[in-house]
Amino acid sequence: MGINFKFWKADLVAGITVAIVALPLALAFSVASGVEPKAGLYTAIIAGIIASLFGGSPFQVSGPTGAMAVILIHIVQQYGLEKVWLAGLMAGIIQIILGLCRLGVLVKFIPYPVITGFTNGIALIIFCGQINNFLGLKAVRSAELITSLWATFNHLSQINWSAFGIGLLVILTKVFWAKINKIIPASLIGLILATFITSYFKLDIPTIGQIPQQLPLPQGIPNWNSLSSIHQLMPAALALAALGSIESLLSAMVADSMTVAHRHDSNKELIGQGLANIIIPFFGGIPCTGAIARTAVNIRAGAKTSLSGIIHGLVLAIIILLFAPLAAQVPMSALAAILIVTSFRMLEWEEVKMLMKTTRSDTSVMLITCFFTIFFDLVLAIEVGLIAAGILFIRRMSDLSLTKMPEEKIFTDGIPLELSSQIAVYRVDGPLFFGVAERFVNVLHEIPEVKILVLRMRYVSSIDSSGVVALEEIYHDLKKRHCKLVLTGLRPSVQNILKRSEILNLIGEENCFASTQEAIKACTQNLG
């Protein structure tokens, strides 16, 4: 559903509600990204409008997020802010290409343990990254987590107790405010209290500084010197595009689960996010994604169409015009406290418990993904998680069962039992693919000397090229031993593959039967 002014009242209320929630988060995530606070606000405004206009989810609210901040802090430290703008623009182009190529559905193939490990890893990174600001320390934050934590530990004697107190006040507000009032967001109340106390008592603690009292204005093409800049930033752009696409589509899927009547268009959503990321750098913003928490708030507030996301961006613009000077006294420890509570709530405790109770392979994939997320690279973490999940999936699927059928179940209806010494019947269960092909061949190599081998393949759900080659190898091995190969119960999909690969011609279609009993009767006559 696109914009429908029939529901403008509901969308207006939802848009204003989301804007109030998004304000402190936009400031917090911009600080976490290593950029000026205004960049986060500008991003929320532009992304909120553009992604809602052109995206594929009517309830999606886009802006700066914690996951994106984890990548951006590395890019800012390594290349500088102007290169972040260029990387964001490149990421937007990549997202549009993904959308046009209709690759949005691929996110549905990311296993649940990978997503859980990834999300929990990001939560821990955000938590650890805000300890310095929460304690008012002047320790330099490193891109390496262990180095950063060690620097924090070495500066603990320099804790600014005023900053710590303000941060603690915001955390308590975030935790207990919902028991007093569920309409006004706790983050906003905590931010107002922290700013008032800091200003009134003139506390000597770090603040975010002045935010221009103006709307985001075009500032020209992001600076780039040559094609070498594009080549240099391509890994960063790919990381931003991959993470932005995954998080946005996951957020859209969450929105679908909360609104049963609506389903998002994943490819259109990628195009909308890509357009937002292309336009944002020209206004001094940072790369954006769909935000799960803000999208959920938007739905709960009664949003009906994508107009609510546009209103959210416009309301943020009005807030900047009216209240920007007040932001100068917002304490950094207050923003850090908001992010610490956010990161704590991002930890999926119930999902982790569930995965720990399922299989060891799922638990292993989750822990591996989480480990690589924390200590290496977010995109690498997803890649490693997918590889680990794929390997363990192949291992599970490799439980091919090859069972010799009992003679008393096969040689019935007047068929002499003594023929069992000349006919062997094996039941094959499971997919016949590269993960089991070698074992399939090895087992059948060891069968006793018989004149006819019947493979009951009713429960072979699929076969790939490795399985075809394995079947051909079995055929030639049996032929050398003067043993005929007979297949029964072939599924249409498996039979089509065997026919296209010409293995069926080699075996002979006359040696393929619908049932094992038909095959046994034919084999008996052949032996007679």
Protein backbone atom coordinates (compact mmCIF):
# COMPACT_ATOMS: atom_id res chain seq x y z
CA MET A 1 0.00 0.00 0.00
CA GLY A 2 1.41 3.40 -1.00
CA ILE A 3 0.41 6.80 0.31
CA ASN A 4 -3.31 7.08 0.98
CA PHE A 5 -4.51 10.39 2.41
CA LYS A 6 -7.68 8.67 3.53
CA PHE A 7 -5.71 7.56 6.62
CA TRP A 8 -3.81 10.83 7.13
CA LYS A 9 -4.89 11.25 10.78
CA ALA A 10 -3.60 7.83 11.80
CA ASP A 11 -0.38 8.37 9.83
CA LEU A 12 0.09 11.82 11.38
CA VAL A 13 -0.11 10.44 14.92
CA ALA A 14 2.23 7.55 14.05
CA GLY A 15 4.71 9.85 12.27
CA ILE A 16 4.94 12.24 15.22
CA THR A 17 5.34 9.33 17.65
CA VAL A 18 8.14 7.77 15.63
CA ALA A 19 9.91 11.15 15.24
CA ILE A 20 9.99 11.58 19.03
CA VAL A 21 11.45 8.09 19.39
CA ALA A 22 13.91 8.61 16.51
CA LEU A 23 15.31 11.94 17.76
CA PRO A 24 17.52 10.62 20.61
CA LEU A 25 18.43 7.50 18.62
CA ALA A 26 19.55 9.58 15.61
CA LEU A 27 21.82 11.62 17.89
CA ALA A 28 23.12 8.53 19.66
CA PHE A 29 23.87 6.50 16.55
CA SER A 30 25.62 9.41 14.85
CA VAL A 31 27.93 9.72 17.86
CA ALA A 32 28.46 5.95 17.81
CA SER A 33 29.40 6.25 14.11
CA GLY A 34 32.14 8.77 14.89
CA VAL A 35 30.45 11.65 13.05
CA GLU A 36 28.83 14.92 14.11
CA PRO A 37 25.37 14.61 15.74
CA LYS A 38 23.77 16.66 12.96
CA ALA A 39 24.71 13.94 10.44
CA GLY A 40 22.46 11.46 12.23
CA LEU A 41 19.55 13.89 12.28
CA TYR A 42 19.99 14.76 8.60
CA THR A 43 20.09 11.05 7.79
CA ALA A 44 16.86 10.37 9.68
CA ILE A 45 15.13 13.22 7.84
CA ILE A 46 16.26 12.37 4.30
CA ALA A 47 16.05 8.58 4.72
CA GLY A 48 12.66 8.82 6.40
CA ILE A 49 11.24 10.70 3.41
CA ILE A 50 13.02 9.06 0.44
CA ALA A 51 12.85 5.43 1.61
CA SER A 52 9.16 5.83 2.50
CA LEU A 53 8.38 7.34 -0.90
CA PHE A 54 10.18 4.72 -2.99
CA GLY A 55 10.53 1.68 -0.68
CA GLY A 56 8.62 -1.57 -0.78
CA SER A 57 7.32 -1.68 2.80
CA PRO A 58 4.52 0.73 3.78
CA PHE A 59 5.52 0.72 7.44
CA GLN A 60 9.32 0.80 7.19
CA VAL A 61 11.07 3.68 8.99
CA SER A 62 14.67 4.25 7.91
CA GLY A 63 17.56 6.11 9.47
CA PRO A 64 20.90 5.59 11.22
CA THR A 65 21.15 2.29 13.12
CA GLY A 66 23.47 0.54 15.52
CA ALA A 67 24.54 -2.11 13.02
CA MET A 68 25.53 0.51 10.47
CA ALA A 69 27.35 2.51 13.15
CA VAL A 70 29.63 -0.47 13.82
CA ILE A 71 30.87 -0.38 10.21
CA LEU A 72 30.91 3.42 9.92
CA ILE A 73 33.18 3.95 12.92
CA HIS A 74 35.84 1.84 11.15
CA ILE A 75 35.43 3.73 7.85
CA VAL A 76 35.57 7.14 9.55
CA GLN A 77 38.73 6.22 11.46
CA GLN A 78 40.41 4.77 8.39
CA TYR A 79 39.35 7.12 5.60
CA GLY A 80 37.66 10.21 7.07
CA LEU A 81 34.13 11.60 6.86
CA GLU A 82 34.20 12.62 3.17
CA LYS A 83 35.09 9.08 2.16
CA VAL A 84 32.14 7.85 4.22
CA TRP A 85 29.87 9.95 2.01
CA LEU A 86 31.39 8.47 -1.14
CA ALA A 87 31.19 4.92 0.24
CA GLY A 88 27.54 5.52 1.12
CA LEU A 89 26.77 6.74 -2.38
CA MET A 90 28.46 3.68 -3.87
CA ALA A 91 26.52 1.42 -1.48
CA GLY A 92 23.28 3.01 -2.67
CA ILE A 93 24.12 2.25 -6.29
CA ILE A 94 24.89 -1.36 -5.38
CA GLN A 95 21.56 -1.68 -3.56
CA ILE A 96 19.65 -0.38 -6.59
CA ILE A 97 21.45 -2.91 -8.79
CA LEU A 98 20.52 -5.69 -6.35
CA GLY A 99 16.90 -4.56 -6.45
CA LEU A 100 16.78 -4.33 -10.24
CA CYS A 101 18.30 -7.82 -10.46
CA ARG A 102 15.54 -9.03 -8.14
CA LEU A 103 17.93 -10.38 -5.52
CA GLY A 104 15.93 -9.14 -2.56
CA VAL A 105 14.55 -12.60 -1.83
CA LEU A 106 18.04 -13.92 -0.98
CA VAL A 107 17.80 -12.57 2.58
CA LYS A 108 15.17 -15.25 3.27
CA PHE A 109 17.88 -17.87 2.84
CA ILE A 110 20.02 -16.57 5.71
CA PRO A 111 19.70 -19.18 8.50
CA TYR A 112 18.21 -18.13 11.83
CA PRO A 113 21.37 -18.98 13.86
CA VAL A 114 23.41 -16.64 11.62
CA ILE A 115 20.99 -13.76 12.19
CA THR A 116 20.89 -14.39 15.94
CA GLY A 117 24.69 -14.55 16.28
CA PHE A 118 25.06 -11.46 14.10
CA THR A 119 22.52 -9.41 16.08
CA ASN A 120 23.96 -10.38 19.46
CA GLY A 121 27.49 -9.62 18.26
CA ILE A 122 26.44 -6.14 17.15
CA ALA A 123 24.74 -5.55 20.51
CA LEU A 124 27.96 -6.41 22.38
CA ILE A 125 30.02 -4.14 20.10
CA ILE A 126 27.65 -1.21 20.68
CA PHE A 127 27.71 -1.81 24.44
CA CYS A 128 31.51 -1.95 24.65
CA GLY A 129 31.88 1.04 22.32
CA GLN A 130 29.89 3.32 24.62
CA ILE A 131 31.66 2.59 27.91
CA ASN A 132 34.09 5.51 27.48
CA ASN A 133 31.33 8.07 26.89
CA PHE A 134 29.22 6.61 29.70
CA LEU A 135 32.07 7.00 32.19
CA GLY A 136 33.20 10.35 30.80
CA LEU A 137 36.65 8.95 29.95
CA LYS A 138 39.00 10.60 27.46
CA ALA A 139 40.48 7.29 26.35
CA VAL A 140 40.84 7.06 22.58
CA ARG A 141 38.44 4.54 21.10
CA SER A 142 40.17 2.00 18.86
CA ALA A 143 38.63 0.12 15.96
CA GLU A 144 39.90 -3.08 17.63
CA LEU A 145 37.56 -4.11 20.45
CA ILE A 146 40.20 -5.64 22.73
CA THR A 147 42.52 -2.64 22.29
CA SER A 148 39.65 -0.26 23.03
CA LEU A 149 38.63 -2.15 26.19
CA TRP A 150 42.22 -2.25 27.38
CA ALA A 151 42.52 1.52 26.91
CA THR A 152 39.31 1.98 28.89
CA PHE A 153 40.64 -0.21 31.70
CA ASN A 154 43.87 1.84 31.87
CA HIS A 155 41.88 5.09 32.22
CA LEU A 156 39.41 3.94 34.89
CA SER A 157 41.10 6.20 37.45
CA GLN A 158 39.91 9.18 35.37
CA ILE A 159 36.17 8.45 35.61
CA ASN A 160 34.04 11.59 35.44
CA TRP A 161 31.55 10.83 38.20
CA SER A 162 29.17 13.55 37.04
CA ALA A 163 28.99 11.98 33.58
CA PHE A 164 28.54 8.55 35.16
CA GLY A 165 25.71 9.87 37.34
CA ILE A 166 23.94 11.44 34.35
CA GLY A 167 24.29 8.22 32.37
CA LEU A 168 22.96 6.17 35.28
CA LEU A 169 19.97 8.54 35.57
CA VAL A 170 19.13 7.99 31.89
CA ILE A 171 19.39 4.20 32.27
CA LEU A 172 17.04 4.26 35.27
CA THR A 173 14.65 6.46 33.32
CA LYS A 174 14.74 4.06 30.36
CA VAL A 175 14.02 1.11 32.65
CA PHE A 176 11.28 2.55 34.88
CA TRP A 177 9.58 5.30 32.87
CA ALA A 178 7.27 2.86 31.06
CA LYS A 179 5.63 2.08 34.42
CA ILE A 180 4.66 5.75 34.72
CA ASN A 181 3.77 6.66 31.13
CA LYS A 182 3.80 4.53 27.99
CA ILE A 183 2.97 7.31 25.53
CA ILE A 184 6.02 9.59 25.86
CA PRO A 185 9.25 7.68 24.98
CA ALA A 186 11.60 7.04 27.87
CA SER A 187 14.63 8.00 25.75
CA LEU A 188 13.25 11.52 25.23
CA ILE A 189 12.44 11.97 28.93
CA GLY A 190 15.92 10.76 29.92
CA LEU A 191 17.54 13.09 27.39
CA ILE A 192 15.53 16.09 28.63
CA LEU A 193 16.32 15.34 32.29
CA ALA A 194 20.02 14.84 31.58
CA THR A 195 20.26 18.05 29.54
CA PHE A 196 18.37 20.10 32.14
CA ILE A 197 20.52 18.87 35.06
CA THR A 198 23.76 19.37 33.11
CA SER A 199 22.78 22.90 32.12
CA TYR A 200 21.26 23.95 35.46
CA PHE A 201 24.14 22.72 37.62
CA LYS A 202 26.76 23.61 34.97
CA LEU A 203 28.31 20.15 35.21
CA ASP A 204 31.76 19.75 33.69
CA ILE A 205 31.00 16.81 31.38
CA PRO A 206 31.36 16.31 27.61
CA THR A 207 28.33 17.38 25.54
CA ILE A 208 27.52 16.87 21.87
CA GLY A 209 28.00 20.53 20.94
CA GLN A 210 26.08 22.89 18.70
CA ILE A 211 23.72 21.64 15.99
CA PRO A 212 22.96 24.11 13.15
CA GLN A 213 19.43 25.52 13.36
CA GLN A 214 18.71 24.85 9.71
CA LEU A 215 17.40 22.19 7.38
CA PRO A 216 19.85 19.89 5.62
CA LEU A 217 20.97 21.61 2.43
CA PRO A 218 22.71 20.18 -0.66
CA GLN A 219 26.48 20.47 -0.34
CA GLY A 220 27.75 19.19 -3.67
CA ILE A 221 29.18 15.92 -4.84
CA PRO A 222 31.13 13.98 -2.20
CA ASN A 223 34.83 14.59 -2.69
CA TRP A 224 36.73 12.01 -4.69
CA ASN A 225 40.08 12.44 -6.35
CA SER A 226 40.18 9.69 -8.94
CA LEU A 227 38.97 6.22 -9.80
CA SER A 228 41.50 4.95 -7.28
CA SER A 229 39.25 6.35 -4.52
CA ILE A 230 36.37 4.23 -5.80
CA HIS A 231 38.61 1.16 -5.98
CA GLN A 232 39.89 1.85 -2.47
CA LEU A 233 36.39 2.21 -1.00
CA MET A 234 34.77 -0.69 -2.84
CA PRO A 235 35.14 -3.18 0.07
CA ALA A 236 33.60 -0.62 2.44
CA ALA A 237 30.78 0.12 -0.02
CA LEU A 238 30.05 -3.59 -0.45
CA ALA A 239 29.97 -4.01 3.33
CA LEU A 240 27.57 -1.08 3.72
CA ALA A 241 25.34 -2.33 0.89
CA ALA A 242 25.26 -5.89 2.22
CA LEU A 243 24.56 -4.90 5.82
CA GLY A 244 22.08 -2.19 4.83
CA SER A 245 20.18 -4.59 2.57
CA ILE A 246 20.07 -7.40 5.11
CA GLU A 247 18.97 -5.19 8.01
CA SER A 248 16.36 -3.36 5.93
CA LEU A 249 14.82 -6.56 4.59
CA LEU A 250 14.82 -8.18 8.02
CA SER A 251 13.06 -5.09 9.37
CA ALA A 252 10.51 -5.33 6.54
CA MET A 253 9.94 -9.00 7.40
CA VAL A 254 9.32 -8.04 11.04
CA ALA A 255 6.80 -5.44 9.82
CA ASP A 256 5.06 -8.16 7.77
CA SER A 257 4.77 -10.37 10.85
CA MET A 258 3.17 -7.51 12.78
CA THR A 259 0.71 -6.66 10.00
CA VAL A 260 -0.68 -9.89 8.59
CA ALA A 261 -2.60 -8.18 5.79
CA HIS A 262 0.48 -6.60 4.18
CA ARG A 263 3.59 -8.04 2.52
CA HIS A 264 6.59 -6.00 1.45
CA ASP A 265 8.22 -5.98 -1.98
CA SER A 266 11.84 -6.86 -1.17
CA ASN A 267 13.27 -5.69 -4.51
CA LYS A 268 11.43 -2.37 -4.38
CA GLU A 269 12.60 -1.94 -0.79
CA LEU A 270 16.23 -2.33 -1.89
CA ILE A 271 15.70 0.30 -4.58
CA GLY A 272 14.14 2.69 -2.06
CA GLN A 273 17.00 2.21 0.41
CA GLY A 274 19.50 2.60 -2.43
CA LEU A 275 17.97 5.89 -3.54
CA ALA A 276 18.08 7.17 0.04
CA ASN A 277 21.75 6.24 0.38
CA ILE A 278 22.57 7.95 -2.93
CA ILE A 279 20.85 11.20 -1.92
CA ILE A 280 21.91 11.34 1.75
CA PRO A 281 25.64 12.09 1.10
CA PHE A 282 24.68 15.28 -0.76
CA PHE A 283 23.08 16.53 2.47
CA GLY A 284 25.89 15.58 4.85
CA GLY A 285 24.26 12.43 6.18
CA ILE A 286 25.53 8.90 6.71
CA PRO A 287 24.33 5.59 5.21
CA CYS A 288 20.94 4.40 6.44
CA THR A 289 18.96 1.19 6.80
CA GLY A 290 15.46 0.23 7.81
CA ALA A 291 15.27 0.39 11.61
CA ILE A 292 13.45 -2.51 13.28
CA ALA A 293 12.63 -0.70 16.55
CA ARG A 294 11.33 2.46 14.85
CA THR A 295 9.35 0.41 12.34
CA ALA A 296 7.73 -1.51 15.20
CA VAL A 297 6.86 1.75 16.98
CA ASN A 298 5.38 3.07 13.75
CA ILE A 299 3.07 0.05 13.44
CA ARG A 300 2.05 0.08 17.11
CA ALA A 301 1.29 3.81 16.85
CA GLY A 302 -1.34 3.02 14.21
CA ALA A 303 0.41 3.72 10.89
CA LYS A 304 -1.66 2.81 7.84
CA THR A 305 0.52 3.84 4.89
CA SER A 306 4.03 5.02 4.05
CA LEU A 307 2.87 8.59 4.71
CA SER A 308 3.77 8.04 8.38
CA GLY A 309 7.46 7.59 7.50
CA ILE A 310 7.43 10.82 5.48
CA ILE A 311 5.74 12.69 8.35
CA HIS A 312 8.39 11.31 10.73
CA GLY A 313 11.10 12.93 8.59
CA LEU A 314 9.24 16.25 8.34
CA VAL A 315 8.63 16.39 12.11
CA LEU A 316 12.35 15.84 12.75
CA ALA A 317 13.09 18.75 10.39
CA ILE A 318 10.70 20.98 12.35
CA ILE A 319 12.31 19.93 15.64
CA ILE A 320 15.73 20.96 14.30
CA LEU A 321 14.40 24.37 13.24
CA LEU A 322 12.81 25.02 16.62
CA PHE A 323 15.01 23.32 19.20
CA ALA A 324 18.49 22.85 17.71
CA PRO A 325 20.20 25.36 20.09
CA LEU A 326 19.11 23.27 23.09
CA ALA A 327 21.10 20.30 21.80
CA ALA A 328 24.41 21.91 22.69
CA GLN A 329 23.99 20.82 26.32
CA VAL A 330 23.01 17.22 25.63
CA PRO A 331 25.54 15.09 27.57
CA MET A 332 27.49 12.43 25.71
CA SER A 333 27.00 10.08 28.67
CA ALA A 334 23.22 10.40 28.22
CA LEU A 335 23.46 9.28 24.60
CA ALA A 336 25.82 6.49 25.65
CA ALA A 337 23.27 5.36 28.24
CA ILE A 338 20.53 5.23 25.59
CA LEU A 339 22.75 3.08 23.39
CA ILE A 340 23.73 0.80 26.28
CA VAL A 341 20.09 0.09 27.09
CA THR A 342 19.36 -0.33 23.36
CA SER A 343 22.21 -2.80 22.99
CA PHE A 344 21.05 -4.74 26.06
CA ARG A 345 17.57 -5.02 24.56
CA MET A 346 19.06 -6.11 21.23
CA LEU A 347 20.48 -9.22 22.93
CA GLU A 348 18.09 -12.00 21.99
CA TRP A 349 18.11 -13.99 25.21
CA GLU A 350 15.10 -16.17 24.39
CA GLU A 351 16.38 -16.95 20.90
CA VAL A 352 19.78 -17.93 22.31
CA LYS A 353 18.13 -20.24 24.87
CA MET A 354 16.04 -21.83 22.15
CA LEU A 355 19.04 -22.42 19.88
CA MET A 356 21.05 -23.87 22.77
CA LYS A 357 18.26 -26.42 23.28
CA THR A 358 17.98 -27.45 19.62
CA THR A 359 21.06 -28.89 17.90
CA ARG A 360 24.77 -28.49 18.43
CA SER A 361 25.21 -27.42 14.84
CA ASP A 362 22.79 -24.48 15.21
CA THR A 363 24.48 -23.45 18.45
CA SER A 364 27.90 -23.65 16.78
CA VAL A 365 26.78 -21.50 13.82
CA MET A 366 25.38 -18.88 16.19
CA LEU A 367 28.55 -18.75 18.32
CA ILE A 368 30.87 -18.66 15.27
CA THR A 369 28.89 -15.81 13.70
CA CYS A 370 28.84 -13.89 16.99
CA PHE A 371 32.60 -14.38 17.45
CA PHE A 372 33.48 -13.11 13.97
CA THR A 373 31.06 -10.19 14.35
CA ILE A 374 32.75 -9.03 17.54
CA PHE A 375 36.40 -9.63 16.71
CA PHE A 376 36.62 -9.33 12.93
CA ASP A 377 34.22 -7.84 10.40
CA LEU A 378 30.42 -7.78 10.10
CA VAL A 379 30.24 -8.87 6.48
CA LEU A 380 32.94 -11.49 7.06
CA ALA A 381 30.87 -12.72 10.02
CA ILE A 382 27.84 -13.26 7.78
CA GLU A 383 29.99 -14.98 5.16
CA VAL A 384 31.60 -17.29 7.72
CA GLY A 385 28.23 -17.95 9.35
CA LEU A 386 26.69 -18.89 6.01
CA ILE A 387 29.64 -21.16 5.18
CA ALA A 388 29.44 -22.86 8.58
CA ALA A 389 25.67 -23.27 8.24
CA GLY A 390 26.11 -24.66 4.73
CA ILE A 391 28.74 -27.19 5.82
CA LEU A 392 26.63 -28.38 8.75
CA PHE A 393 23.54 -28.54 6.53
CA ILE A 394 25.43 -30.73 4.06
CA ARG A 395 26.57 -32.90 6.94
CA ARG A 396 22.98 -33.34 8.14
CA MET A 397 21.77 -34.04 4.63
CA SER A 398 24.56 -36.56 4.15
CA ASP A 399 22.80 -39.11 6.33
CA LEU A 400 22.01 -41.22 3.28
CA SER A 401 20.44 -44.50 4.26
CA LEU A 402 21.25 -47.50 2.08
CA THR A 403 19.43 -50.53 3.49
CA LYS A 404 19.30 -54.10 2.16
CA MET A 405 15.66 -55.14 2.01
CA PRO A 406 14.82 -58.38 3.91
CA GLU A 407 14.17 -61.34 1.61
CA GLU A 408 10.87 -62.24 3.27
CA LYS A 409 9.44 -58.80 2.36
CA ILE A 410 10.59 -58.92 -1.27
CA PHE A 411 10.27 -62.52 -2.43
CA THR A 412 6.53 -63.04 -2.03
CA ASP A 413 3.59 -63.93 -4.25
CA GLY A 414 5.06 -67.23 -5.38
CA ILE A 415 8.55 -65.90 -6.18
CA PRO A 416 11.07 -68.55 -5.05
CA LEU A 417 13.11 -67.43 -2.02
CA GLU A 418 16.21 -69.15 -3.44
CA LEU A 419 16.38 -66.36 -6.05
CA SER A 420 17.48 -64.00 -3.27
CA SER A 421 21.01 -65.26 -3.82
CA GLN A 422 20.88 -63.85 -7.35
CA ILE A 423 18.87 -60.65 -6.70
CA ALA A 424 19.77 -57.99 -4.12
CA VAL A 425 17.36 -55.18 -3.29
CA TYR A 426 18.58 -52.00 -1.57
CA ARG A 427 16.41 -49.08 -0.44
CA VAL A 428 17.96 -45.64 -0.89
CA ASP A 429 16.69 -42.88 1.44
CA GLY A 430 17.64 -39.22 1.15
CA PRO A 431 19.04 -36.85 -1.51
CA LEU A 432 21.75 -38.29 -3.72
CA PHE A 433 24.15 -35.35 -4.00
CA PHE A 434 27.83 -34.49 -3.73
CA GLY A 435 27.84 -34.88 0.04
CA VAL A 436 26.98 -38.59 -0.14
CA ALA A 437 28.04 -39.65 -3.63
CA GLU A 438 31.35 -41.19 -2.58
CA ARG A 439 29.82 -43.14 0.31
CA PHE A 440 27.04 -44.33 -2.00
CA VAL A 441 29.62 -45.76 -4.40
CA ASN A 442 31.74 -47.31 -1.66
CA VAL A 443 28.82 -49.12 -0.06
CA LEU A 444 27.56 -50.59 -3.33
CA HIS A 445 31.06 -51.69 -4.27
CA GLU A 446 30.93 -54.04 -1.27
CA ILE A 447 27.69 -55.84 -2.15
CA PRO A 448 27.93 -59.62 -2.54
CA GLU A 449 28.09 -61.17 -5.99
CA VAL A 450 24.57 -61.20 -7.49
CA LYS A 451 23.18 -61.15 -11.01
CA ILE A 452 20.74 -58.26 -10.48
CA LEU A 453 20.95 -55.24 -8.17
CA VAL A 454 17.66 -53.43 -7.58
CA LEU A 455 17.85 -49.90 -6.17
CA ARG A 456 14.56 -48.81 -4.63
CA MET A 457 14.72 -45.00 -5.12
CA ARG A 458 11.23 -43.89 -4.13
CA TYR A 459 12.64 -41.88 -1.23
CA VAL A 460 15.45 -40.18 -3.18
CA SER A 461 14.08 -36.62 -3.18
CA SER A 462 16.75 -35.13 -5.45
CA ILE A 463 19.95 -35.89 -7.34
CA ASP A 464 22.76 -33.63 -8.54
CA SER A 465 25.61 -34.12 -11.02
CA SER A 466 27.77 -35.86 -8.40
CA GLY A 467 24.94 -38.30 -7.75
CA VAL A 468 24.55 -38.90 -11.49
CA VAL A 469 28.29 -39.61 -11.83
CA ALA A 470 28.13 -41.94 -8.81
CA LEU A 471 25.21 -43.84 -10.38
CA GLU A 472 27.14 -44.14 -13.66
CA GLU A 473 30.17 -45.47 -11.79
CA ILE A 474 27.99 -48.06 -10.06
CA TYR A 475 26.53 -49.11 -13.43
CA HIS A 476 29.96 -49.66 -15.00
CA ASP A 477 31.26 -51.50 -11.92
CA LEU A 478 28.26 -53.85 -11.95
CA LYS A 479 28.62 -54.40 -15.70
CA LYS A 480 32.18 -55.61 -15.20
CA ARG A 481 30.81 -58.12 -12.70
CA HIS A 482 28.07 -59.16 -15.14
CA CYS A 483 25.41 -57.73 -12.86
CA LYS A 484 22.37 -55.82 -14.13
CA LEU A 485 21.30 -52.53 -12.48
CA VAL A 486 17.54 -51.99 -11.99
CA LEU A 487 15.90 -48.82 -10.64
CA THR A 488 12.44 -48.59 -9.11
CA GLY A 489 10.14 -45.81 -7.88
CA LEU A 490 11.97 -42.92 -9.55
CA ARG A 491 10.41 -39.55 -8.81
CA PRO A 492 9.62 -37.44 -11.90
CA SER A 493 12.23 -34.79 -10.99
CA VAL A 494 14.95 -37.41 -10.49
CA GLN A 495 13.92 -39.30 -13.63
CA ASN A 496 14.08 -36.10 -15.72
CA ILE A 497 17.63 -35.41 -14.55
CA LEU A 498 18.72 -38.95 -15.33
CA LYS A 499 17.11 -38.70 -18.75
CA ARG A 500 18.75 -35.34 -19.58
CA SER A 501 22.15 -36.65 -18.48
CA GLU A 502 21.60 -39.75 -20.69
CA ILE A 503 22.30 -42.09 -17.77
CA LEU A 504 18.80 -43.47 -18.18
CA ASN A 505 19.65 -44.52 -21.75
CA LEU A 506 22.78 -46.21 -20.43
CA ILE A 507 20.91 -48.14 -17.76
CA GLY A 508 17.98 -48.72 -20.11
CA GLU A 509 14.45 -47.49 -19.54
CA GLU A 510 13.32 -51.13 -19.69
CA ASN A 511 15.25 -51.55 -16.42
CA CYS A 512 13.23 -48.86 -14.63
CA PHE A 513 9.99 -49.87 -12.88
CA ALA A 514 7.28 -48.09 -10.93
CA SER A 515 7.42 -50.55 -8.03
CA THR A 516 9.86 -53.04 -6.58
CA GLN A 517 7.41 -55.93 -6.96
CA GLU A 518 7.12 -55.29 -10.70
CA ALA A 519 10.90 -55.24 -10.95
CA ILE A 520 11.25 -58.52 -9.01
CA LYS A 521 8.72 -60.28 -11.24
CA ALA A 522 10.50 -59.01 -14.39
CA CYS A 523 13.89 -60.04 -12.99
CA THR A 524 12.54 -63.50 -12.12
CA GLN A 525 11.32 -64.02 -15.67
CA ASN A 526 14.67 -62.77 -16.98
CA LEU A 527 16.57 -65.23 -14.82
CA GLY A 528 14.18 -68.02 -15.83
